[in-house]
Protein backbone atom coordinates (compact mmCIF):
# COMPACT_ATOMS: atom_id res chain seq x y z
CA MET A 1 0.00 0.00 0.00
CA CYS A 2 1.48 3.34 -1.01
CA THR A 3 1.07 6.05 1.57
CA THR A 4 -0.70 9.29 0.84
CA ASP A 5 0.89 12.58 1.86
CA SER A 6 1.82 15.83 0.15
CA LEU A 7 4.28 13.99 -2.13
CA HIS A 8 2.23 10.87 -2.82
CA ASN A 9 -1.08 10.35 -4.54
CA ASP A 10 -2.93 7.11 -3.86
CA LEU A 11 -4.51 6.26 -7.17
CA GLY A 12 -6.43 3.35 -5.64
CA LEU A 13 -4.63 0.91 -7.90
CA THR A 14 -2.85 -1.18 -5.30
CA ASP A 15 -3.96 -4.08 -3.16
CA LYS A 16 -4.06 -2.46 0.26
CA ASN A 17 -3.10 -5.76 1.90
CA HIS A 18 0.27 -6.02 0.13
CA ALA A 19 3.24 -3.84 -0.73
CA CYS A 20 3.44 -2.77 -4.35
CA ALA A 21 6.18 -4.02 -6.65
CA CYS A 22 8.32 -0.94 -6.12
CA GLY A 23 8.48 -1.57 -2.37
CA HIS A 24 6.00 1.04 -1.12
CA GLY A 25 4.13 -0.20 1.89
CA ALA A 26 6.79 -2.73 2.74
CA THR A 27 8.36 -2.63 6.17
CA THR A 28 11.96 -3.37 7.02
CA THR A 29 10.86 -6.89 7.93
CA ASP A 30 9.41 -7.30 4.41
CA LEU A 31 12.60 -6.22 2.63
CA ALA A 32 16.09 -7.52 3.24
CA VAL A 33 18.09 -4.70 4.81
CA ASP A 34 21.72 -4.57 3.74
CA SER A 35 23.85 -2.08 5.64
CA ALA A 36 26.28 -1.97 2.68
CA ALA A 37 23.58 -0.95 0.22
CA ILE A 38 24.04 2.25 -1.77
CA HIS A 39 20.94 4.44 -2.14
CA GLU A 40 21.06 7.06 -4.91
CA ASP A 41 18.13 9.43 -5.46
CA TYR A 42 17.14 10.90 -8.82
CA LEU A 43 14.31 13.26 -9.72
CA VAL A 44 12.25 12.30 -12.78
CA THR A 45 9.71 14.48 -14.57
CA GLY A 46 6.61 13.48 -16.49
CA MET A 47 5.42 10.53 -14.39
CA THR A 48 1.68 10.64 -13.67
CA CYS A 49 0.44 7.12 -12.85
CA SER A 50 1.24 3.56 -11.83
CA HIS A 51 2.06 2.66 -15.45
CA CYS A 52 4.75 5.37 -15.43
CA VAL A 53 6.14 3.92 -12.20
CA SER A 54 6.16 0.42 -13.71
CA SER A 55 7.93 1.58 -16.88
CA VAL A 56 10.70 3.41 -15.02
CA THR A 57 11.06 0.60 -12.48
CA GLU A 58 11.42 -1.99 -15.25
CA GLU A 59 14.04 -0.04 -17.20
CA VAL A 60 16.14 1.01 -14.20
CA SER A 61 15.95 -2.48 -12.66
CA ALA A 62 17.53 -3.89 -15.82
CA ILE A 63 20.79 -1.99 -15.15
CA ASP A 64 23.59 -4.29 -13.98
CA GLY A 65 24.10 -3.98 -10.24
CA VAL A 66 20.66 -2.55 -9.40
CA ASP A 67 19.07 -4.49 -6.55
CA ALA A 68 15.88 -2.44 -6.11
CA VAL A 69 14.10 0.65 -7.40
CA ASN A 70 11.75 2.64 -5.17
CA ILE A 71 9.65 5.47 -6.59
CA SER A 72 7.72 8.19 -4.79
CA LEU A 73 5.26 9.37 -7.43
CA ASN A 74 4.65 13.13 -7.43
CA VAL A 75 1.94 13.82 -10.01
CA GLY A 76 2.52 17.23 -11.56
CA GLY A 77 6.07 17.49 -10.25
CA ALA A 78 9.34 15.61 -10.04
CA SER A 79 9.05 12.05 -8.73
CA ARG A 80 11.85 10.69 -6.54
CA VAL A 81 13.47 7.52 -7.90
CA THR A 82 15.75 5.74 -5.42
CA VAL A 83 18.15 3.20 -6.90
CA VAL A 84 19.47 0.63 -4.42
CA SER A 85 22.64 -1.31 -5.23
CA THR A 86 25.62 -2.94 -3.57
CA THR A 87 28.05 -1.41 -6.09
CA PRO A 88 27.98 2.08 -7.62
CA VAL A 89 25.63 2.49 -10.59
CA SER A 90 26.52 4.96 -13.33
CA PRO A 91 24.25 8.03 -13.36
CA ASP A 92 24.53 7.93 -17.16
CA ALA A 93 23.06 4.40 -17.14
CA VAL A 94 20.17 5.59 -14.96
CA ARG A 95 19.59 8.58 -17.26
CA ALA A 96 19.56 6.29 -20.31
CA ALA A 97 17.11 3.89 -18.65
CA VAL A 98 14.77 6.72 -17.62
CA THR A 99 14.93 8.14 -21.16
CA GLU A 100 14.21 4.68 -22.60
CA ALA A 101 11.09 4.55 -20.41
CA GLY A 102 9.98 7.87 -21.91
CA TYR A 103 10.80 10.28 -19.08
CA ALA A 104 13.58 12.68 -18.14
CA LEU A 105 15.88 13.25 -15.18
CA VAL A 106 15.77 16.71 -13.67
CA ALA A 107 18.99 18.51 -14.66
CA ASP A 108 21.48 19.03 -11.87
């Protein structure tokens, strides 16, 4: 279940009894916690729905070394995409994956 706050919009598309594929709603007991994990955040524009989240998650997850992708959807603004890995992942690879999904990273 994705939470609803000022940065999240619950579109009513998730099974409220289970965490969604991107990890929202999962607790630390649901996900393996690795203290050596690297968490890199990216801001992505143009995402408006669960299909957008699925597309970006699929493309970024295909990058070698990516263990998980968590997305905080912000309809009408920049959505936060967190890439979890045990080794560094190239920002250029993330940018290419996001572009392949049809969206854009916010320029630094």
